[in-house]
């Protein structure tokens, strides 16, 4: 009799505050014999820190260690190729457990399908195995909550933008937006702030680092040290307030 394959489970574990994990994610986490998590070399990882207290001794931990953590690589290395190969290898490592009949929960900070690393495994494995995805509170919603900033009123639309975009693209999209969230700041922060200044949006823009985490930091935009803005930071430009 053939072994029934295990399930692939993408678990959103929230933006950082351990209490923002859902009841469903917590149940599936505890039930999974294998728990996989993405991590930089030599680090524990934010997602792992959120769920560590809920793990049990019988569970197998599967760290998926990024080979690189920056997109700036010396020639002839290509970040896209290096990271694609990594996801291929990570997918096959997980497939080994699935083929042996073990469910694998891949934990993902925020939401698995909102800039989540899990999605790259999902693309590789979901056609071959049963897959379930549990949504999580994403960082932009965690950010809005700690900043006390309603995002969109009534019929306004929200644009979610990557700070990696070229300045002109960013400027065009922000100019058309009722409200916006700008992710992936880090070294892109000076460019993003310059665009906001050119559009006259600085007074509306709100900045937060590591929203909902223990080391969360809210700083006025004009006081952010340009080269110290971490990857886990974001800017929210809330919609114009509606007096309902």
C-alpha atoms as a PDB file:
ATOM      1  CA  UNK A   1       0.000   0.000   0.000  1.00  0.00           C
ATOM      2  CA  UNK A   2       1.383   3.400  -1.011  1.00  0.00           C
ATOM      3  CA  UNK A   3       2.214   5.942   1.666  1.00  0.00           C
ATOM      4  CA  UNK A   4      -0.309   8.785   1.841  1.00  0.00           C
ATOM      5  CA  UNK A   5       1.698  12.019   1.333  1.00  0.00           C
ATOM      6  CA  UNK A   6       1.751  14.634   4.035  1.00  0.00           C
ATOM      7  CA  UNK A   7       0.140  18.067   3.758  1.00  0.00           C
ATOM      8  CA  UNK A   8       1.980  21.280   3.035  1.00  0.00           C
ATOM      9  CA  UNK A   9       0.731  23.980   5.425  1.00  0.00           C
ATOM     10  CA  UNK A  10       1.634  27.653   5.013  1.00  0.00           C
ATOM     11  CA  UNK A  11       1.139  29.297   8.396  1.00  0.00           C
ATOM     12  CA  UNK A  12       0.944  33.056   8.738  1.00  0.00           C
ATOM     13  CA  UNK A  13       2.113  33.796  12.284  1.00  0.00           C
ATOM     14  CA  UNK A  14       1.546  37.563  12.340  1.00  0.00           C
ATOM     15  CA  UNK A  15       3.791  40.633  12.253  1.00  0.00           C
ATOM     16  CA  UNK A  16       5.760  40.079  15.433  1.00  0.00           C
ATOM     17  CA  UNK A  17       3.623  40.278  18.560  1.00  0.00           C
ATOM     18  CA  UNK A  18       3.308  36.594  19.628  1.00  0.00           C
ATOM     19  CA  UNK A  19      -0.329  37.185  20.623  1.00  0.00           C
ATOM     20  CA  UNK A  20      -1.260  38.091  17.029  1.00  0.00           C
ATOM     21  CA  UNK A  21      -1.082  34.491  15.815  1.00  0.00           C
ATOM     22  CA  UNK A  22      -4.525  33.071  14.998  1.00  0.00           C
ATOM     23  CA  UNK A  23      -6.148  30.223  16.916  1.00  0.00           C
ATOM     24  CA  UNK A  24      -6.172  28.128  13.722  1.00  0.00           C
ATOM     25  CA  UNK A  25      -2.494  28.728  12.985  1.00  0.00           C
ATOM     26  CA  UNK A  26      -1.608  27.791  16.555  1.00  0.00           C
ATOM     27  CA  UNK A  27      -3.602  24.547  16.368  1.00  0.00           C
ATOM     28  CA  UNK A  28      -2.032  23.481  13.061  1.00  0.00           C
ATOM     29  CA  UNK A  29       1.421  24.461  14.292  1.00  0.00           C
ATOM     30  CA  UNK A  30       1.080  22.184  17.326  1.00  0.00           C
ATOM     31  CA  UNK A  31      -0.310  19.325  15.219  1.00  0.00           C
ATOM     32  CA  UNK A  32       2.453  19.385  12.594  1.00  0.00           C
ATOM     33  CA  UNK A  33       5.239  16.815  12.969  1.00  0.00           C
ATOM     34  CA  UNK A  34       7.626  18.986  10.947  1.00  0.00           C
ATOM     35  CA  UNK A  35       7.984  22.766  11.326  1.00  0.00           C
ATOM     36  CA  UNK A  36      10.004  24.560   8.630  1.00  0.00           C
ATOM     37  CA  UNK A  37      11.152  28.162   8.863  1.00  0.00           C
ATOM     38  CA  UNK A  38      13.234  30.564   6.803  1.00  0.00           C
ATOM     39  CA  UNK A  39      16.234  32.065   8.527  1.00  0.00           C
ATOM     40  CA  UNK A  40      19.433  33.971   7.784  1.00  0.00           C
ATOM     41  CA  UNK A  41      22.698  32.195   8.588  1.00  0.00           C
ATOM     42  CA  UNK A  42      23.553  32.474  12.280  1.00  0.00           C
ATOM     43  CA  UNK A  43      20.161  33.980  13.210  1.00  0.00           C
ATOM     44  CA  UNK A  44      17.072  32.590  14.912  1.00  0.00           C
ATOM     45  CA  UNK A  45      14.612  34.496  12.721  1.00  0.00           C
ATOM     46  CA  UNK A  46      11.587  36.643  13.583  1.00  0.00           C
ATOM     47  CA  UNK A  47       8.977  34.067  12.577  1.00  0.00           C
ATOM     48  CA  UNK A  48      10.649  31.364  14.678  1.00  0.00           C
ATOM     49  CA  UNK A  49      10.804  33.712  17.668  1.00  0.00           C
ATOM     50  CA  UNK A  50       7.020  34.196  17.456  1.00  0.00           C
ATOM     51  CA  UNK A  51       6.218  30.474  17.679  1.00  0.00           C
ATOM     52  CA  UNK A  52       9.156  29.078  19.645  1.00  0.00           C
ATOM     53  CA  UNK A  53       7.276  28.889  22.948  1.00  0.00           C
ATOM     54  CA  UNK A  54       4.548  26.733  21.359  1.00  0.00           C
ATOM     55  CA  UNK A  55       6.836  24.021  19.966  1.00  0.00           C
ATOM     56  CA  UNK A  56       6.967  20.516  21.412  1.00  0.00           C
ATOM     57  CA  UNK A  57       9.961  18.210  21.803  1.00  0.00           C
ATOM     58  CA  UNK A  58       8.564  15.593  19.417  1.00  0.00           C
ATOM     59  CA  UNK A  59       8.431  18.026  16.486  1.00  0.00           C
ATOM     60  CA  UNK A  60      11.174  18.060  13.855  1.00  0.00           C
ATOM     61  CA  UNK A  61      12.560  21.527  13.118  1.00  0.00           C
ATOM     62  CA  UNK A  62      13.622  22.238   9.546  1.00  0.00           C
ATOM     63  CA  UNK A  63      15.553  25.528   9.201  1.00  0.00           C
ATOM     64  CA  UNK A  64      15.716  26.807   5.602  1.00  0.00           C
ATOM     65  CA  UNK A  65      18.863  28.928   5.647  1.00  0.00           C
ATOM     66  CA  UNK A  66      19.071  31.720   3.073  1.00  0.00           C
ATOM     67  CA  UNK A  67      22.337  31.569   1.110  1.00  0.00           C
ATOM     68  CA  UNK A  68      22.292  35.377   0.704  1.00  0.00           C
ATOM     69  CA  UNK A  69      20.417  38.205   2.412  1.00  0.00           C
ATOM     70  CA  UNK A  70      21.235  41.036   0.028  1.00  0.00           C
ATOM     71  CA  UNK A  71      20.437  41.532  -3.632  1.00  0.00           C
ATOM     72  CA  UNK A  72      23.828  43.162  -4.286  1.00  0.00           C
ATOM     73  CA  UNK A  73      26.112  40.288  -5.256  1.00  0.00           C
ATOM     74  CA  UNK A  74      29.489  40.403  -6.997  1.00  0.00           C
ATOM     75  CA  UNK A  75      29.557  39.358 -10.663  1.00  0.00           C
ATOM     76  CA  UNK A  76      29.013  36.819 -12.094  1.00  0.00           C
ATOM     77  CA  UNK A  77      26.594  35.843  -9.307  1.00  0.00           C
ATOM     78  CA  UNK A  78      22.926  36.649  -9.895  1.00  0.00           C
ATOM     79  CA  UNK A  79      20.704  37.131  -6.838  1.00  0.00           C
ATOM     80  CA  UNK A  80      17.671  35.882  -8.761  1.00  0.00           C
ATOM     81  CA  UNK A  81      19.440  32.661  -9.750  1.00  0.00           C
ATOM     82  CA  UNK A  82      20.997  32.035  -6.345  1.00  0.00           C
ATOM     83  CA  UNK A  83      17.692  32.526  -4.529  1.00  0.00           C
ATOM     84  CA  UNK A  84      15.716  30.541  -7.116  1.00  0.00           C
ATOM     85  CA  UNK A  85      18.090  27.595  -6.672  1.00  0.00           C
ATOM     86  CA  UNK A  86      17.669  27.924  -2.910  1.00  0.00           C
ATOM     87  CA  UNK A  87      13.869  27.717  -3.161  1.00  0.00           C
ATOM     88  CA  UNK A  88      14.211  24.691  -5.470  1.00  0.00           C
ATOM     89  CA  UNK A  89      16.405  22.919  -2.908  1.00  0.00           C
ATOM     90  CA  UNK A  90      14.179  23.947   0.034  1.00  0.00           C
ATOM     91  CA  UNK A  91      11.125  22.640  -1.835  1.00  0.00           C
ATOM     92  CA  UNK A  92      12.757  19.253  -2.391  1.00  0.00           C
ATOM     93  CA  UNK A  93      13.839  19.072   1.263  1.00  0.00           C
ATOM     94  CA  UNK A  94      10.233  19.613   2.304  1.00  0.00           C
ATOM     95  CA  UNK A  95       9.014  17.154  -0.344  1.00  0.00           C
ATOM     96  CA  UNK A  96      11.138  14.434   1.310  1.00  0.00           C
ATOM     97  CA  UNK A  97       9.073  14.794   4.481  1.00  0.00           C
ATOM     98  CA  UNK A  98       5.785  15.042   2.572  1.00  0.00           C
ATOM     99  CA  UNK A  99       6.597  11.870   0.620  1.00  0.00           C
ATOM    100  CA  UNK A 100       7.204  10.088   3.920  1.00  0.00           C
ATOM    101  CA  UNK A 101       3.674  11.009   5.016  1.00  0.00           C
ATOM    102  CA  UNK A 102       4.630  13.823   7.371  1.00  0.00           C
ATOM    103  CA  UNK A 103       2.744  17.130   7.355  1.00  0.00           C
ATOM    104  CA  UNK A 104       5.054  20.135   7.106  1.00  0.00           C
ATOM    105  CA  UNK A 105       4.056  23.519   8.528  1.00  0.00           C
ATOM    106  CA  UNK A 106       6.059  26.324   6.954  1.00  0.00           C
ATOM    107  CA  UNK A 107       5.815  29.317   9.237  1.00  0.00           C
ATOM    108  CA  UNK A 108       5.799  32.758   7.692  1.00  0.00           C
ATOM    109  CA  UNK A 109       5.969  36.124   9.366  1.00  0.00           C
ATOM    110  CA  UNK A 110       2.910  38.213   8.521  1.00  0.00           C
ATOM    111  CA  UNK A 111       0.790  36.548   5.850  1.00  0.00           C
ATOM    112  CA  UNK A 112       2.133  33.749   3.603  1.00  0.00           C
ATOM    113  CA  UNK A 113       0.775  35.326   0.407  1.00  0.00           C
ATOM    114  CA  UNK A 114       1.705  38.942   1.186  1.00  0.00           C
ATOM    115  CA  UNK A 115       5.412  39.220   0.308  1.00  0.00           C
ATOM    116  CA  UNK A 116       5.829  35.952   2.236  1.00  0.00           C
ATOM    117  CA  UNK A 117       8.722  33.599   1.452  1.00  0.00           C
ATOM    118  CA  UNK A 118       6.303  30.674   1.759  1.00  0.00           C
ATOM    119  CA  UNK A 119       4.689  31.589  -1.580  1.00  0.00           C
ATOM    120  CA  UNK A 120       7.793  30.475  -3.481  1.00  0.00           C
ATOM    121  CA  UNK A 121       7.497  27.008  -1.945  1.00  0.00           C
ATOM    122  CA  UNK A 122       3.775  26.995  -2.640  1.00  0.00           C
ATOM    123  CA  UNK A 123       4.428  27.696  -6.327  1.00  0.00           C
ATOM    124  CA  UNK A 124       6.791  24.720  -6.446  1.00  0.00           C
ATOM    125  CA  UNK A 125       4.840  22.185  -4.375  1.00  0.00           C
ATOM    126  CA  UNK A 126       1.096  22.929  -4.308  1.00  0.00           C
ATOM    127  CA  UNK A 127       0.391  21.108  -7.576  1.00  0.00           C
ATOM    128  CA  UNK A 128       2.032  17.943  -6.236  1.00  0.00           C
ATOM    129  CA  UNK A 129       0.697  17.885  -2.669  1.00  0.00           C
ATOM    130  CA  UNK A 130      -2.357  18.924  -0.686  1.00  0.00           C
ATOM    131  CA  UNK A 131      -1.676  22.458   0.490  1.00  0.00           C
ATOM    132  CA  UNK A 132      -3.463  24.597   3.049  1.00  0.00           C
ATOM    133  CA  UNK A 133      -2.683  28.243   3.714  1.00  0.00           C
ATOM    134  CA  UNK A 134      -3.659  29.998   6.936  1.00  0.00           C
ATOM    135  CA  UNK A 135      -3.719  33.787   6.581  1.00  0.00           C
ATOM    136  CA  UNK A 136      -1.981  35.954   9.134  1.00  0.00           C
ATOM    137  CA  UNK A 137      -2.009  39.583  10.254  1.00  0.00           C
ATOM    138  CA  UNK A 138       0.363  41.238   7.791  1.00  0.00           C
ATOM    139  CA  UNK A 139       2.924  43.895   8.681  1.00  0.00           C
ATOM    140  CA  UNK A 140       1.059  46.790   7.080  1.00  0.00           C
ATOM    141  CA  UNK A 141      -1.997  46.104   9.253  1.00  0.00           C
ATOM    142  CA  UNK A 142       0.216  45.751  12.315  1.00  0.00           C
ATOM    143  CA  UNK A 143       1.812  49.053  11.320  1.00  0.00           C
ATOM    144  CA  UNK A 144      -1.506  50.838  10.882  1.00  0.00           C
ATOM    145  CA  UNK A 145      -2.679  49.628  14.283  1.00  0.00           C
ATOM    146  CA  UNK A 146       0.376  50.772  16.249  1.00  0.00           C
ATOM    147  CA  UNK A 147       0.449  54.103  14.395  1.00  0.00           C
ATOM    148  CA  UNK A 148      -3.262  54.626  15.077  1.00  0.00           C
ATOM    149  CA  UNK A 149      -3.735  55.330  11.368  1.00  0.00           C
ATOM    150  CA  UNK A 150      -6.977  54.336   9.604  1.00  0.00           C
ATOM    151  CA  UNK A 151      -5.871  53.349   6.103  1.00  0.00           C
ATOM    152  CA  UNK A 152      -8.827  53.936   3.790  1.00  0.00           C
ATOM    153  CA  UNK A 153     -12.184  55.661   4.267  1.00  0.00           C
ATOM    154  CA  UNK A 154     -15.374  54.950   2.319  1.00  0.00           C
ATOM    155  CA  UNK A 155     -14.560  54.564  -1.397  1.00  0.00           C
ATOM    156  CA  UNK A 156     -10.839  55.292  -1.216  1.00  0.00           C
ATOM    157  CA  UNK A 157      -8.376  52.821  -2.746  1.00  0.00           C
ATOM    158  CA  UNK A 158      -5.146  51.602  -1.175  1.00  0.00           C
ATOM    159  CA  UNK A 159      -1.872  51.147  -3.069  1.00  0.00           C
ATOM    160  CA  UNK A 160       0.764  48.811  -1.660  1.00  0.00           C
ATOM    161  CA  UNK A 161       4.127  49.783  -3.128  1.00  0.00           C
ATOM    162  CA  UNK A 162       7.624  48.354  -2.983  1.00  0.00           C
ATOM    163  CA  UNK A 163      10.352  50.803  -2.007  1.00  0.00           C
ATOM    164  CA  UNK A 164      12.588  48.995  -4.497  1.00  0.00           C
ATOM    165  CA  UNK A 165      10.690  50.659  -7.388  1.00  0.00           C
ATOM    166  CA  UNK A 166      12.579  53.305  -9.383  1.00  0.00           C
ATOM    167  CA  UNK A 167      11.886  56.832  -8.107  1.00  0.00           C
ATOM    168  CA  UNK A 168       9.840  57.845 -11.161  1.00  0.00           C
ATOM    169  CA  UNK A 169       7.575  54.771 -10.907  1.00  0.00           C
ATOM    170  CA  UNK A 170       7.124  55.336  -7.198  1.00  0.00           C
ATOM    171  CA  UNK A 171       6.291  59.008  -7.754  1.00  0.00           C
ATOM    172  CA  UNK A 172       3.718  58.241 -10.456  1.00  0.00           C
ATOM    173  CA  UNK A 173       1.946  55.587  -8.417  1.00  0.00           C
ATOM    174  CA  UNK A 174       1.951  57.638  -5.212  1.00  0.00           C
ATOM    175  CA  UNK A 175       0.580  60.671  -7.042  1.00  0.00           C
ATOM    176  CA  UNK A 176      -2.403  58.564  -8.149  1.00  0.00           C
ATOM    177  CA  UNK A 177      -3.005  56.936  -4.755  1.00  0.00           C
ATOM    178  CA  UNK A 178      -5.749  57.835  -2.247  1.00  0.00           C
ATOM    179  CA  UNK A 179      -3.692  56.047   0.396  1.00  0.00           C
ATOM    180  CA  UNK A 180      -0.493  54.029   0.282  1.00  0.00           C
ATOM    181  CA  UNK A 181       1.733  51.644   2.171  1.00  0.00           C
ATOM    182  CA  UNK A 182       5.392  51.556   1.139  1.00  0.00           C
ATOM    183  CA  UNK A 183       7.193  48.326   2.032  1.00  0.00           C
ATOM    184  CA  UNK A 184      10.789  47.131   1.652  1.00  0.00           C
ATOM    185  CA  UNK A 185      12.487  50.308   2.778  1.00  0.00           C
ATOM    186  CA  UNK A 186      15.959  49.545   4.120  1.00  0.00           C
ATOM    187  CA  UNK A 187      18.520  51.130   1.790  1.00  0.00           C
ATOM    188  CA  UNK A 188      15.667  52.483  -0.346  1.00  0.00           C
ATOM    189  CA  UNK A 189      14.563  54.875   2.395  1.00  0.00           C
ATOM    190  CA  UNK A 190      16.348  58.047   1.150  1.00  0.00           C
ATOM    191  CA  UNK A 191      14.822  57.642  -2.311  1.00  0.00           C
ATOM    192  CA  UNK A 192      11.333  57.074  -0.889  1.00  0.00           C
ATOM    193  CA  UNK A 193      11.537  60.088   1.440  1.00  0.00           C
ATOM    194  CA  UNK A 194      12.712  62.280  -1.447  1.00  0.00           C
ATOM    195  CA  UNK A 195       9.701  61.208  -3.542  1.00  0.00           C
ATOM    196  CA  UNK A 196       7.313  61.946  -0.662  1.00  0.00           C
ATOM    197  CA  UNK A 197       8.873  65.409  -0.272  1.00  0.00           C
ATOM    198  CA  UNK A 198       8.492  66.134  -3.993  1.00  0.00           C
ATOM    199  CA  UNK A 199       4.808  65.157  -3.832  1.00  0.00           C
ATOM    200  CA  UNK A 200       4.126  67.181  -0.678  1.00  0.00           C
ATOM    201  CA  UNK A 201       3.145  64.049   1.252  1.00  0.00           C
ATOM    202  CA  UNK A 202       5.697  64.207   4.071  1.00  0.00           C
ATOM    203  CA  UNK A 203       3.236  65.645   6.593  1.00  0.00           C
ATOM    204  CA  UNK A 204       0.800  62.782   5.985  1.00  0.00           C
ATOM    205  CA  UNK A 205       3.435  60.022   5.909  1.00  0.00           C
ATOM    206  CA  UNK A 206       3.973  57.896   9.030  1.00  0.00           C
ATOM    207  CA  UNK A 207       6.987  55.677   9.669  1.00  0.00           C
ATOM    208  CA  UNK A 208       7.387  52.604  11.876  1.00  0.00           C
ATOM    209  CA  UNK A 209      10.137  50.026  12.354  1.00  0.00           C
ATOM    210  CA  UNK A 210       9.365  46.433  13.365  1.00  0.00           C
ATOM    211  CA  UNK A 211       5.690  47.136  14.062  1.00  0.00           C
ATOM    212  CA  UNK A 212       4.223  45.103  16.981  1.00  0.00           C
ATOM    213  CA  UNK A 213       7.623  43.560  17.826  1.00  0.00           C
ATOM    214  CA  UNK A 214       9.280  44.066  21.213  1.00  0.00           C
ATOM    215  CA  UNK A 215      11.834  46.422  19.613  1.00  0.00           C
ATOM    216  CA  UNK A 216       9.216  48.446  17.678  1.00  0.00           C
ATOM    217  CA  UNK A 217      10.181  52.055  16.954  1.00  0.00           C
ATOM    218  CA  UNK A 218       7.986  54.924  15.715  1.00  0.00           C
ATOM    219  CA  UNK A 219      10.022  57.864  14.421  1.00  0.00           C
ATOM    220  CA  UNK A 220       8.979  61.116  12.683  1.00  0.00           C
ATOM    221  CA  UNK A 221       9.876  60.773   9.012  1.00  0.00           C
ATOM    222  CA  UNK A 222      12.299  63.707   9.049  1.00  0.00           C
ATOM    223  CA  UNK A 223      14.226  62.187  11.971  1.00  0.00           C
ATOM    224  CA  UNK A 224      14.862  58.741  10.471  1.00  0.00           C
ATOM    225  CA  UNK A 225      18.562  58.040   9.945  1.00  0.00           C
ATOM    226  CA  UNK A 226      18.599  57.239   6.191  1.00  0.00           C
ATOM    227  CA  UNK A 227      21.122  54.408   6.331  1.00  0.00           C
ATOM    228  CA  UNK A 228      19.808  52.814   9.526  1.00  0.00           C
ATOM    229  CA  UNK A 229      16.252  52.102   8.335  1.00  0.00           C
ATOM    230  CA  UNK A 230      15.806  48.321   8.617  1.00  0.00           C
ATOM    231  CA  UNK A 231      14.165  46.053   6.061  1.00  0.00           C
ATOM    232  CA  UNK A 232      11.301  45.525   8.532  1.00  0.00           C
ATOM    233  CA  UNK A 233      10.123  49.118   8.355  1.00  0.00           C
ATOM    234  CA  UNK A 234       7.301  50.714   6.428  1.00  0.00           C
ATOM    235  CA  UNK A 235       5.700  54.037   5.619  1.00  0.00           C
ATOM    236  CA  UNK A 236       1.950  54.585   5.647  1.00  0.00           C
ATOM    237  CA  UNK A 237       0.290  57.490   3.842  1.00  0.00           C
ATOM    238  CA  UNK A 238      -3.263  57.241   5.225  1.00  0.00           C
ATOM    239  CA  UNK A 239      -6.299  58.252   3.201  1.00  0.00           C
ATOM    240  CA  UNK A 240      -7.666  61.741   3.814  1.00  0.00           C
ATOM    241  CA  UNK A 241      -9.882  61.617   6.891  1.00  0.00           C
ATOM    242  CA  UNK A 242     -13.623  61.504   6.170  1.00  0.00           C
ATOM    243  CA  UNK A 243     -15.874  63.281   8.649  1.00  0.00           C
ATOM    244  CA  UNK A 244     -18.711  60.775   8.703  1.00  0.00           C
END
